N, C-alpha and C. Protein backbone atom coordinates (compact mmCIF):
# COMPACT_ATOMS: atom_id res chain seq x y z
N MET A 1 107.92 -116.33 4.25
CA MET A 1 107.98 -116.08 5.67
C MET A 1 108.00 -114.57 5.91
N PRO A 2 107.12 -114.10 6.87
CA PRO A 2 107.06 -112.68 7.13
C PRO A 2 108.37 -112.17 7.71
N LYS A 3 108.64 -110.90 7.39
CA LYS A 3 109.86 -110.26 7.86
C LYS A 3 109.75 -109.98 9.35
N VAL A 4 110.74 -110.31 10.07
CA VAL A 4 110.77 -110.09 11.51
C VAL A 4 111.33 -108.69 11.76
N LEU A 5 110.63 -107.97 12.64
CA LEU A 5 111.05 -106.62 12.96
C LEU A 5 112.15 -106.65 14.01
N SER A 6 113.07 -105.74 13.84
CA SER A 6 114.15 -105.65 14.82
C SER A 6 113.62 -104.97 16.08
N ILE A 7 114.40 -105.08 17.14
CA ILE A 7 114.01 -104.47 18.40
C ILE A 7 113.92 -102.95 18.23
N LYS A 8 114.81 -102.40 17.46
CA LYS A 8 114.80 -100.96 17.21
C LYS A 8 113.49 -100.55 16.52
N GLN A 9 113.07 -101.34 15.53
CA GLN A 9 111.83 -101.04 14.80
C GLN A 9 110.61 -101.24 15.70
N LEU A 10 110.65 -102.29 16.53
CA LEU A 10 109.54 -102.54 17.46
C LEU A 10 109.40 -101.41 18.47
N LEU A 11 110.53 -100.94 18.99
CA LEU A 11 110.48 -99.84 19.95
C LEU A 11 109.96 -98.56 19.29
N LEU A 12 110.41 -98.30 18.06
CA LEU A 12 109.93 -97.12 17.34
C LEU A 12 108.43 -97.21 17.11
N LEU A 13 107.94 -98.37 16.69
CA LEU A 13 106.51 -98.58 16.46
C LEU A 13 105.73 -98.42 17.77
N ALA A 14 106.26 -98.95 18.86
CA ALA A 14 105.59 -98.85 20.16
C ALA A 14 105.51 -97.39 20.61
N PHE A 15 106.60 -96.62 20.44
CA PHE A 15 106.58 -95.21 20.81
C PHE A 15 105.60 -94.40 19.95
N ILE A 16 105.58 -94.73 18.66
CA ILE A 16 104.65 -94.03 17.77
C ILE A 16 103.21 -94.31 18.19
N LEU A 17 102.90 -95.59 18.42
CA LEU A 17 101.54 -95.94 18.84
C LEU A 17 101.21 -95.35 20.20
N ALA A 18 102.17 -95.38 21.11
CA ALA A 18 101.92 -94.86 22.45
C ALA A 18 101.73 -93.34 22.42
N GLY A 19 102.39 -92.65 21.53
CA GLY A 19 102.25 -91.20 21.44
C GLY A 19 101.13 -90.76 20.52
N LEU A 20 100.94 -91.49 19.43
CA LEU A 20 99.97 -91.09 18.41
C LEU A 20 98.54 -91.39 18.82
N LEU A 21 98.29 -92.55 19.38
CA LEU A 21 96.92 -92.92 19.76
C LEU A 21 96.33 -91.95 20.78
N PRO A 22 97.02 -91.63 21.86
CA PRO A 22 96.44 -90.66 22.80
C PRO A 22 96.25 -89.27 22.16
N ALA A 23 97.21 -88.87 21.31
CA ALA A 23 97.07 -87.57 20.65
C ALA A 23 95.85 -87.56 19.74
N MET A 24 95.63 -88.66 19.01
CA MET A 24 94.46 -88.76 18.14
C MET A 24 93.18 -88.76 18.96
N LEU A 25 93.19 -89.48 20.07
CA LEU A 25 92.01 -89.54 20.94
C LEU A 25 91.70 -88.16 21.53
N VAL A 26 92.73 -87.47 21.99
CA VAL A 26 92.54 -86.13 22.55
C VAL A 26 92.04 -85.17 21.46
N SER A 27 92.59 -85.28 20.26
CA SER A 27 92.15 -84.42 19.14
C SER A 27 90.69 -84.69 18.81
N PHE A 28 90.31 -85.97 18.76
CA PHE A 28 88.92 -86.32 18.44
C PHE A 28 87.98 -85.78 19.51
N LEU A 29 88.33 -85.97 20.78
CA LEU A 29 87.48 -85.48 21.87
C LEU A 29 87.40 -83.96 21.86
N SER A 30 88.50 -83.29 21.59
CA SER A 30 88.49 -81.82 21.52
C SER A 30 87.61 -81.34 20.38
N PHE A 31 87.74 -81.99 19.22
CA PHE A 31 86.91 -81.62 18.07
C PHE A 31 85.44 -81.84 18.38
N ASN A 32 85.14 -82.98 19.01
CA ASN A 32 83.75 -83.31 19.35
C ASN A 32 83.18 -82.28 20.34
N GLN A 33 83.96 -81.92 21.34
CA GLN A 33 83.52 -80.92 22.33
C GLN A 33 83.30 -79.57 21.66
N ALA A 34 84.23 -79.16 20.82
CA ALA A 34 84.11 -77.87 20.12
C ALA A 34 82.90 -77.88 19.19
N SER A 35 82.69 -79.00 18.51
CA SER A 35 81.55 -79.12 17.59
C SER A 35 80.23 -79.01 18.36
N ASN A 36 80.13 -79.70 19.49
CA ASN A 36 78.90 -79.63 20.30
C ASN A 36 78.68 -78.22 20.84
N ALA A 37 79.74 -77.58 21.30
CA ALA A 37 79.61 -76.20 21.81
C ALA A 37 79.18 -75.26 20.70
N LEU A 38 79.73 -75.44 19.50
CA LEU A 38 79.37 -74.60 18.36
C LEU A 38 77.91 -74.82 17.97
N LYS A 39 77.47 -76.08 17.96
CA LYS A 39 76.07 -76.38 17.64
C LYS A 39 75.13 -75.72 18.64
N LYS A 40 75.47 -75.79 19.92
CA LYS A 40 74.63 -75.16 20.95
C LYS A 40 74.59 -73.64 20.77
N GLU A 41 75.74 -73.05 20.45
CA GLU A 41 75.80 -71.60 20.25
C GLU A 41 74.97 -71.18 19.03
N ILE A 42 75.07 -71.95 17.94
CA ILE A 42 74.29 -71.64 16.73
C ILE A 42 72.80 -71.78 17.03
N LEU A 43 72.42 -72.85 17.72
CA LEU A 43 71.01 -73.06 18.07
C LEU A 43 70.50 -71.90 18.93
N HIS A 44 71.29 -71.48 19.89
CA HIS A 44 70.90 -70.35 20.75
C HIS A 44 70.74 -69.08 19.92
N ASP A 45 71.70 -68.83 19.02
CA ASP A 45 71.62 -67.64 18.16
C ASP A 45 70.39 -67.67 17.28
N LEU A 46 70.07 -68.85 16.71
CA LEU A 46 68.90 -68.97 15.85
C LEU A 46 67.61 -68.75 16.64
N GLN A 47 67.56 -69.30 17.85
CA GLN A 47 66.37 -69.11 18.69
C GLN A 47 66.20 -67.63 19.06
N THR A 48 67.30 -66.98 19.38
CA THR A 48 67.25 -65.55 19.72
C THR A 48 66.79 -64.73 18.52
N LEU A 49 67.35 -65.04 17.35
CA LEU A 49 66.97 -64.31 16.14
C LEU A 49 65.51 -64.54 15.80
N SER A 50 65.04 -65.78 15.94
CA SER A 50 63.62 -66.08 15.66
C SER A 50 62.70 -65.33 16.61
N ALA A 51 63.07 -65.29 17.88
CA ALA A 51 62.25 -64.56 18.86
C ALA A 51 62.23 -63.07 18.55
N THR A 52 63.36 -62.54 18.11
CA THR A 52 63.44 -61.12 17.76
C THR A 52 62.55 -60.81 16.56
N VAL A 53 62.60 -61.67 15.54
CA VAL A 53 61.78 -61.45 14.34
C VAL A 53 60.31 -61.56 14.69
N ALA A 54 59.94 -62.56 15.49
CA ALA A 54 58.53 -62.71 15.90
C ALA A 54 58.06 -61.46 16.65
N ALA A 55 58.91 -60.93 17.51
CA ALA A 55 58.55 -59.71 18.25
C ALA A 55 58.42 -58.52 17.31
N ASP A 56 59.30 -58.44 16.30
CA ASP A 56 59.22 -57.34 15.32
C ASP A 56 57.93 -57.41 14.51
N VAL A 57 57.56 -58.62 14.08
CA VAL A 57 56.31 -58.79 13.31
C VAL A 57 55.11 -58.44 14.18
N GLU A 58 55.12 -58.92 15.42
CA GLU A 58 54.02 -58.63 16.34
C GLU A 58 53.90 -57.12 16.59
N ARG A 59 55.03 -56.46 16.81
CA ARG A 59 55.03 -55.02 17.05
C ARG A 59 54.50 -54.26 15.84
N MET A 60 54.98 -54.64 14.66
CA MET A 60 54.55 -53.96 13.44
C MET A 60 53.05 -54.11 13.22
N MET A 61 52.54 -55.33 13.40
CA MET A 61 51.11 -55.55 13.19
C MET A 61 50.28 -54.82 14.25
N PHE A 62 50.75 -54.81 15.49
CA PHE A 62 50.03 -54.09 16.54
C PHE A 62 49.95 -52.60 16.20
N GLU A 63 51.07 -52.04 15.74
CA GLU A 63 51.08 -50.62 15.38
C GLU A 63 50.11 -50.32 14.25
N ARG A 64 50.04 -51.20 13.26
CA ARG A 64 49.11 -50.98 12.14
C ARG A 64 47.66 -51.07 12.62
N LEU A 65 47.37 -52.03 13.48
CA LEU A 65 46.01 -52.14 14.03
C LEU A 65 45.67 -50.92 14.88
N GLN A 66 46.66 -50.47 15.64
CA GLN A 66 46.46 -49.28 16.48
C GLN A 66 46.19 -48.05 15.62
N ASN A 67 46.90 -47.93 14.50
CA ASN A 67 46.66 -46.81 13.58
C ASN A 67 45.21 -46.79 13.12
N VAL A 68 44.75 -47.92 12.59
CA VAL A 68 43.39 -47.99 12.05
C VAL A 68 42.37 -47.72 13.15
N HIS A 69 42.59 -48.31 14.31
CA HIS A 69 41.66 -48.13 15.43
C HIS A 69 41.57 -46.65 15.84
N SER A 70 42.72 -46.02 16.01
CA SER A 70 42.70 -44.62 16.46
C SER A 70 42.21 -43.68 15.36
N TRP A 71 42.62 -43.90 14.13
CA TRP A 71 42.17 -43.04 13.04
C TRP A 71 40.66 -43.12 12.84
N SER A 72 40.10 -44.32 13.03
CA SER A 72 38.65 -44.47 12.80
C SER A 72 37.82 -43.67 13.80
N GLN A 73 38.44 -43.26 14.91
CA GLN A 73 37.72 -42.53 15.94
C GLN A 73 37.95 -41.01 15.88
N LEU A 74 38.75 -40.57 14.93
CA LEU A 74 38.99 -39.13 14.79
C LEU A 74 37.71 -38.40 14.39
N GLY A 75 37.54 -37.19 14.88
CA GLY A 75 36.37 -36.39 14.51
C GLY A 75 36.31 -36.15 13.01
N LEU A 76 37.45 -36.10 12.37
CA LEU A 76 37.52 -35.89 10.93
C LEU A 76 36.77 -36.98 10.15
N MET A 77 36.67 -38.17 10.73
CA MET A 77 35.98 -39.28 10.05
C MET A 77 34.48 -39.00 9.88
N GLN A 78 33.95 -38.06 10.64
CA GLN A 78 32.53 -37.72 10.50
C GLN A 78 32.23 -37.09 9.14
N GLU A 79 33.28 -36.70 8.41
CA GLU A 79 33.13 -36.15 7.06
C GLU A 79 32.45 -37.14 6.12
N VAL A 80 32.47 -38.41 6.49
CA VAL A 80 31.81 -39.41 5.64
C VAL A 80 30.32 -39.09 5.50
N LEU A 81 29.74 -38.45 6.51
CA LEU A 81 28.31 -38.12 6.49
C LEU A 81 27.97 -37.08 5.42
N ILE A 82 28.93 -36.20 5.11
CA ILE A 82 28.65 -35.15 4.12
C ILE A 82 29.43 -35.37 2.82
N GLY A 83 29.98 -36.58 2.67
CA GLY A 83 30.65 -36.92 1.42
C GLY A 83 32.02 -36.29 1.24
N ASP A 84 32.64 -35.85 2.32
CA ASP A 84 33.98 -35.25 2.27
C ASP A 84 34.06 -34.16 1.19
N ILE A 85 33.09 -33.25 1.21
CA ILE A 85 33.01 -32.24 0.15
C ILE A 85 34.20 -31.29 0.12
N ASP A 86 34.83 -31.04 1.26
CA ASP A 86 35.99 -30.15 1.26
C ASP A 86 37.31 -30.91 1.12
N LYS A 87 37.25 -32.23 0.97
CA LYS A 87 38.42 -33.11 0.74
C LYS A 87 39.42 -33.13 1.90
N ARG A 88 39.02 -32.67 3.06
CA ARG A 88 39.91 -32.72 4.22
C ARG A 88 40.26 -34.15 4.59
N LEU A 89 39.27 -35.03 4.50
CA LEU A 89 39.48 -36.43 4.85
C LEU A 89 40.43 -37.10 3.85
N SER A 90 40.23 -36.83 2.57
CA SER A 90 41.13 -37.39 1.55
C SER A 90 42.55 -36.89 1.73
N ILE A 91 42.70 -35.62 2.09
CA ILE A 91 44.04 -35.06 2.33
C ILE A 91 44.69 -35.77 3.52
N PHE A 92 43.91 -35.97 4.59
CA PHE A 92 44.44 -36.68 5.76
C PHE A 92 44.88 -38.09 5.38
N LEU A 93 44.05 -38.80 4.61
CA LEU A 93 44.39 -40.17 4.20
C LEU A 93 45.64 -40.19 3.33
N SER A 94 45.74 -39.24 2.41
CA SER A 94 46.93 -39.17 1.53
C SER A 94 48.19 -38.90 2.33
N GLU A 95 48.12 -37.95 3.25
CA GLU A 95 49.29 -37.62 4.07
C GLU A 95 49.68 -38.78 4.98
N SER A 96 48.69 -39.46 5.53
CA SER A 96 48.97 -40.62 6.39
C SER A 96 49.60 -41.74 5.59
N GLN A 97 49.07 -41.99 4.41
CA GLN A 97 49.61 -43.06 3.55
C GLN A 97 51.04 -42.72 3.14
N GLN A 98 51.31 -41.47 2.83
CA GLN A 98 52.68 -41.07 2.46
C GLN A 98 53.63 -41.19 3.64
N GLY A 99 53.13 -40.91 4.83
CA GLY A 99 53.95 -41.05 6.03
C GLY A 99 54.32 -42.50 6.32
N TYR A 100 53.47 -43.40 5.91
CA TYR A 100 53.70 -44.84 6.10
C TYR A 100 53.78 -45.52 4.73
N HIS A 101 54.46 -44.89 3.77
CA HIS A 101 54.41 -45.33 2.38
C HIS A 101 54.78 -46.79 2.16
N GLN A 102 55.67 -47.35 2.99
CA GLN A 102 56.02 -48.76 2.81
C GLN A 102 54.94 -49.67 3.39
N GLU A 103 54.33 -49.25 4.48
CA GLU A 103 53.37 -50.11 5.16
C GLU A 103 51.98 -50.10 4.51
N TYR A 104 51.49 -48.92 4.13
CA TYR A 104 50.14 -48.82 3.57
C TYR A 104 50.21 -48.53 2.08
N LEU A 105 49.56 -49.38 1.30
CA LEU A 105 49.46 -49.14 -0.13
C LEU A 105 48.38 -48.10 -0.42
N ALA A 106 47.32 -48.12 0.39
CA ALA A 106 46.23 -47.15 0.23
C ALA A 106 45.41 -47.11 1.51
N LEU A 107 44.73 -45.98 1.72
CA LEU A 107 43.79 -45.79 2.82
C LEU A 107 42.49 -45.27 2.23
N HIS A 108 41.36 -45.87 2.65
CA HIS A 108 40.06 -45.48 2.11
C HIS A 108 39.06 -45.29 3.25
N VAL A 109 38.10 -44.39 3.03
CA VAL A 109 36.93 -44.28 3.89
C VAL A 109 35.73 -44.49 2.98
N THR A 110 34.87 -45.43 3.38
CA THR A 110 33.67 -45.71 2.59
C THR A 110 32.44 -45.38 3.42
N ASP A 111 31.31 -45.22 2.72
CA ASP A 111 30.06 -45.09 3.46
C ASP A 111 29.62 -46.49 3.89
N ILE A 112 28.46 -46.58 4.46
CA ILE A 112 27.98 -47.86 5.00
C ILE A 112 27.73 -48.89 3.89
N LYS A 113 27.55 -48.40 2.64
CA LYS A 113 27.32 -49.31 1.50
C LYS A 113 28.62 -49.64 0.76
N HIS A 114 29.74 -49.25 1.33
CA HIS A 114 31.08 -49.52 0.80
C HIS A 114 31.43 -48.69 -0.44
N GLN A 115 30.77 -47.56 -0.64
CA GLN A 115 31.16 -46.64 -1.71
C GLN A 115 32.24 -45.72 -1.15
N VAL A 116 33.34 -45.59 -1.89
CA VAL A 116 34.48 -44.80 -1.42
C VAL A 116 34.12 -43.31 -1.41
N VAL A 117 34.24 -42.71 -0.22
CA VAL A 117 33.94 -41.29 -0.02
C VAL A 117 35.24 -40.47 -0.02
N ALA A 118 36.29 -41.05 0.54
CA ALA A 118 37.60 -40.39 0.61
C ALA A 118 38.67 -41.47 0.47
N SER A 119 39.79 -41.10 -0.13
CA SER A 119 40.83 -42.10 -0.36
C SER A 119 42.18 -41.43 -0.59
N SER A 120 43.24 -42.18 -0.28
CA SER A 120 44.58 -41.71 -0.62
C SER A 120 44.82 -41.87 -2.12
N ARG A 121 43.96 -42.63 -2.77
CA ARG A 121 43.98 -42.77 -4.24
C ARG A 121 42.74 -42.06 -4.78
N ALA A 122 42.91 -40.87 -5.28
CA ALA A 122 41.78 -40.05 -5.72
C ALA A 122 40.90 -40.76 -6.75
N GLN A 123 41.49 -41.60 -7.60
CA GLN A 123 40.70 -42.29 -8.63
C GLN A 123 39.71 -43.30 -8.05
N GLN A 124 39.86 -43.66 -6.79
CA GLN A 124 38.94 -44.61 -6.15
C GLN A 124 37.65 -43.95 -5.67
N ILE A 125 37.67 -42.64 -5.47
CA ILE A 125 36.51 -41.94 -4.90
C ILE A 125 35.31 -42.11 -5.82
N GLY A 126 34.20 -42.52 -5.21
CA GLY A 126 32.96 -42.76 -5.95
C GLY A 126 32.77 -44.21 -6.36
N ASN A 127 33.84 -45.00 -6.35
CA ASN A 127 33.74 -46.42 -6.71
C ASN A 127 33.32 -47.25 -5.50
N MET A 128 32.81 -48.43 -5.78
CA MET A 128 32.51 -49.38 -4.72
C MET A 128 33.82 -50.09 -4.35
N LEU A 129 34.06 -50.24 -3.07
CA LEU A 129 35.28 -50.91 -2.62
C LEU A 129 34.96 -52.36 -2.33
N THR A 130 35.58 -53.24 -3.07
CA THR A 130 35.39 -54.67 -2.81
C THR A 130 36.62 -55.17 -2.08
N SER A 131 36.39 -55.72 -0.93
CA SER A 131 37.48 -56.25 -0.12
C SER A 131 37.45 -57.76 -0.18
N PRO A 132 38.61 -58.39 -0.01
CA PRO A 132 38.64 -59.86 0.06
C PRO A 132 37.83 -60.33 1.26
N PRO A 133 37.50 -61.62 1.31
CA PRO A 133 36.74 -62.14 2.45
C PRO A 133 37.49 -61.93 3.77
N ASP A 134 36.71 -61.79 4.84
CA ASP A 134 37.33 -61.63 6.17
C ASP A 134 38.10 -62.88 6.54
N TRP A 135 39.23 -62.67 7.18
CA TRP A 135 40.07 -63.76 7.65
C TRP A 135 39.81 -63.98 9.13
N PHE A 136 39.96 -62.90 9.92
CA PHE A 136 39.65 -62.96 11.34
C PHE A 136 39.45 -61.55 11.87
N ALA A 137 38.99 -61.46 13.10
CA ALA A 137 38.73 -60.17 13.74
C ALA A 137 39.58 -60.05 15.00
N VAL A 138 39.90 -58.81 15.34
CA VAL A 138 40.69 -58.52 16.54
C VAL A 138 39.94 -57.46 17.33
N ASN A 139 39.82 -57.66 18.64
CA ASN A 139 39.20 -56.65 19.50
C ASN A 139 40.26 -55.68 19.99
N MET A 140 39.95 -54.40 19.87
CA MET A 140 40.86 -53.37 20.36
C MET A 140 40.01 -52.23 20.90
N GLY A 141 40.20 -51.91 22.14
CA GLY A 141 39.45 -50.81 22.75
C GLY A 141 37.95 -51.04 22.71
N GLY A 142 37.52 -52.29 22.84
CA GLY A 142 36.10 -52.60 22.85
C GLY A 142 35.45 -52.61 21.47
N ARG A 143 36.25 -52.46 20.42
CA ARG A 143 35.72 -52.48 19.05
C ARG A 143 36.48 -53.50 18.23
N GLN A 144 35.82 -53.99 17.18
CA GLN A 144 36.44 -55.01 16.34
C GLN A 144 37.09 -54.42 15.09
N LEU A 145 38.26 -54.93 14.79
CA LEU A 145 38.92 -54.65 13.52
C LEU A 145 38.85 -55.94 12.70
N GLN A 146 38.49 -55.81 11.43
CA GLN A 146 38.41 -56.96 10.55
C GLN A 146 39.69 -57.03 9.71
N LEU A 147 40.27 -58.21 9.62
CA LEU A 147 41.43 -58.42 8.76
C LEU A 147 41.02 -59.39 7.67
N SER A 148 41.33 -59.04 6.43
CA SER A 148 40.90 -59.84 5.29
C SER A 148 41.92 -60.94 4.99
N VAL A 149 41.50 -61.85 4.15
CA VAL A 149 42.41 -62.84 3.60
C VAL A 149 43.44 -62.08 2.77
N ILE A 150 44.70 -62.47 2.88
CA ILE A 150 45.77 -61.79 2.13
C ILE A 150 45.67 -62.19 0.66
N GLN A 151 45.55 -61.19 -0.20
CA GLN A 151 45.51 -61.43 -1.64
C GLN A 151 46.46 -60.46 -2.32
N GLN A 152 47.30 -61.01 -3.20
CA GLN A 152 48.28 -60.21 -3.95
C GLN A 152 49.10 -59.32 -3.00
N ASP A 153 49.52 -59.92 -1.90
CA ASP A 153 50.36 -59.25 -0.90
C ASP A 153 49.69 -58.03 -0.27
N VAL A 154 48.36 -58.05 -0.20
CA VAL A 154 47.62 -56.97 0.46
C VAL A 154 46.76 -57.57 1.57
N LEU A 155 46.91 -57.02 2.76
CA LEU A 155 46.06 -57.38 3.90
C LEU A 155 45.21 -56.16 4.21
N SER A 156 43.90 -56.28 3.99
CA SER A 156 42.99 -55.17 4.30
C SER A 156 42.61 -55.21 5.77
N ILE A 157 42.78 -54.07 6.43
CA ILE A 157 42.41 -53.91 7.84
C ILE A 157 41.31 -52.86 7.87
N SER A 158 40.15 -53.22 8.41
CA SER A 158 39.05 -52.25 8.41
C SER A 158 38.39 -52.16 9.77
N GLN A 159 37.83 -50.99 10.02
CA GLN A 159 37.07 -50.78 11.25
C GLN A 159 35.90 -49.85 10.94
N THR A 160 34.81 -50.12 11.62
CA THR A 160 33.61 -49.31 11.46
C THR A 160 33.85 -47.90 12.00
N ILE A 161 33.33 -46.92 11.29
CA ILE A 161 33.32 -45.53 11.78
C ILE A 161 31.93 -45.30 12.36
N GLU A 162 31.88 -44.84 13.60
CA GLU A 162 30.59 -44.62 14.27
C GLU A 162 30.26 -43.14 14.33
N ASP A 163 28.98 -42.85 14.24
CA ASP A 163 28.48 -41.48 14.44
C ASP A 163 28.78 -41.09 15.89
N THR A 164 29.35 -39.91 16.08
CA THR A 164 29.74 -39.50 17.44
C THR A 164 28.54 -39.35 18.37
N ASP A 165 27.37 -39.03 17.83
CA ASP A 165 26.19 -38.85 18.68
C ASP A 165 25.43 -40.15 18.89
N SER A 166 25.05 -40.80 17.79
CA SER A 166 24.19 -41.99 17.90
C SER A 166 24.96 -43.28 18.13
N LYS A 167 26.26 -43.26 17.89
CA LYS A 167 27.12 -44.45 17.98
C LYS A 167 26.73 -45.52 16.96
N GLN A 168 25.98 -45.13 15.95
CA GLN A 168 25.60 -46.05 14.88
C GLN A 168 26.68 -46.04 13.80
N PRO A 169 26.87 -47.17 13.10
CA PRO A 169 27.87 -47.21 12.03
C PRO A 169 27.48 -46.26 10.89
N ILE A 170 28.46 -45.49 10.41
CA ILE A 170 28.21 -44.58 9.29
C ILE A 170 29.18 -44.84 8.13
N GLY A 171 30.14 -45.70 8.34
CA GLY A 171 31.10 -46.01 7.28
C GLY A 171 32.21 -46.90 7.79
N TYR A 172 33.24 -47.01 6.96
CA TYR A 172 34.37 -47.88 7.29
C TYR A 172 35.68 -47.19 6.91
N LEU A 173 36.68 -47.39 7.75
CA LEU A 173 38.04 -47.01 7.40
C LEU A 173 38.74 -48.30 6.98
N VAL A 174 39.33 -48.29 5.79
CA VAL A 174 39.99 -49.48 5.26
C VAL A 174 41.44 -49.13 4.93
N ALA A 175 42.36 -49.86 5.54
CA ALA A 175 43.79 -49.68 5.27
C ALA A 175 44.28 -50.90 4.51
N GLU A 176 44.93 -50.67 3.38
CA GLU A 176 45.52 -51.77 2.61
C GLU A 176 46.98 -51.89 3.03
N PHE A 177 47.25 -52.88 3.89
CA PHE A 177 48.60 -53.09 4.42
C PHE A 177 49.42 -53.89 3.42
N ASN A 178 50.65 -53.44 3.19
CA ASN A 178 51.57 -54.08 2.26
C ASN A 178 52.22 -55.29 2.93
N TRP A 179 51.76 -56.48 2.59
CA TRP A 179 52.26 -57.71 3.22
C TRP A 179 53.72 -57.99 2.84
N ARG A 180 54.22 -57.35 1.78
CA ARG A 180 55.62 -57.55 1.39
C ARG A 180 56.57 -57.07 2.50
N VAL A 181 56.12 -56.14 3.31
CA VAL A 181 56.94 -55.66 4.43
C VAL A 181 57.22 -56.82 5.39
N ILE A 182 56.19 -57.61 5.68
CA ILE A 182 56.37 -58.77 6.56
C ILE A 182 57.23 -59.83 5.87
N LYS A 183 56.97 -60.07 4.58
CA LYS A 183 57.77 -61.05 3.84
C LYS A 183 59.25 -60.67 3.85
N LYS A 184 59.54 -59.39 3.67
CA LYS A 184 60.93 -58.93 3.67
C LYS A 184 61.57 -59.15 5.03
N LEU A 185 60.83 -58.87 6.07
CA LEU A 185 61.33 -59.09 7.43
C LEU A 185 61.67 -60.57 7.64
N LEU A 186 60.78 -61.45 7.18
CA LEU A 186 61.01 -62.89 7.32
C LEU A 186 62.17 -63.36 6.44
N ASN A 187 62.23 -62.87 5.20
CA ASN A 187 63.33 -63.26 4.30
C ASN A 187 64.68 -62.79 4.85
N ASP A 188 64.73 -61.58 5.37
CA ASP A 188 65.97 -61.08 5.96
C ASP A 188 66.38 -61.95 7.14
N SER A 189 65.41 -62.39 7.90
CA SER A 189 65.68 -63.26 9.04
C SER A 189 66.24 -64.60 8.59
N VAL A 190 65.66 -65.18 7.54
CA VAL A 190 66.14 -66.46 7.00
C VAL A 190 67.58 -66.31 6.53
N ASN A 191 67.88 -65.20 5.85
CA ASN A 191 69.25 -64.97 5.37
C ASN A 191 70.22 -64.83 6.54
N GLN A 192 69.79 -64.15 7.60
CA GLN A 192 70.65 -64.01 8.79
C GLN A 192 70.86 -65.36 9.46
N GLN A 193 69.79 -66.17 9.51
CA GLN A 193 69.91 -67.49 10.12
C GLN A 193 70.85 -68.38 9.31
N ALA A 194 70.75 -68.30 7.99
CA ALA A 194 71.63 -69.10 7.13
C ALA A 194 73.08 -68.67 7.34
N SER A 195 73.31 -67.37 7.45
CA SER A 195 74.67 -66.86 7.68
C SER A 195 75.19 -67.34 9.03
N ALA A 196 74.33 -67.30 10.04
CA ALA A 196 74.74 -67.74 11.38
C ALA A 196 75.06 -69.23 11.38
N ALA A 197 74.27 -70.02 10.65
CA ALA A 197 74.49 -71.47 10.61
C ALA A 197 75.77 -71.81 9.87
N LEU A 198 76.15 -71.00 8.88
CA LEU A 198 77.36 -71.28 8.10
C LEU A 198 78.62 -70.90 8.85
N LEU A 199 78.51 -69.97 9.81
CA LEU A 199 79.70 -69.56 10.56
C LEU A 199 80.12 -70.65 11.45
């Protein structure tokens, strides 16, 4: 036969249940509310971080395209016609590459047949420049820039150099963009997102 509880024990059990159940329910609801608020905050932070990284990548790529576009129109580029005999163009390319040493692995100017006339890498001068296949083109200032398929973390950005008088193509400016810069930006973002999600 089961043990019968005394009135004292029944009252104690009733008070415990009456006090404990609401406290547990309030604790559960508070935890659930806090958890939902935290999830929303993390989601917002991740969306903000993603938008920031996308804007950084877009800005960086626009600046690189702008560099190639503006450099290809410099009067100095006309040196391609005389083979850069005084090496002014090669000096300009070397100094520009050093100024953007993380972004550009090399800068080259070729003639119309893709033979390197000037380069930030002196050993390339006189060689034929073989670029990966074109990936897509971008219009900037009424002219097209060609972007190659990324190979070995190099994105080649090229634009035609035009004769200032005839406006006919006389060569190409080719910038070898270091794609690892973009990868690092994305990896840093992933690490920041993981840290934000763990908090």
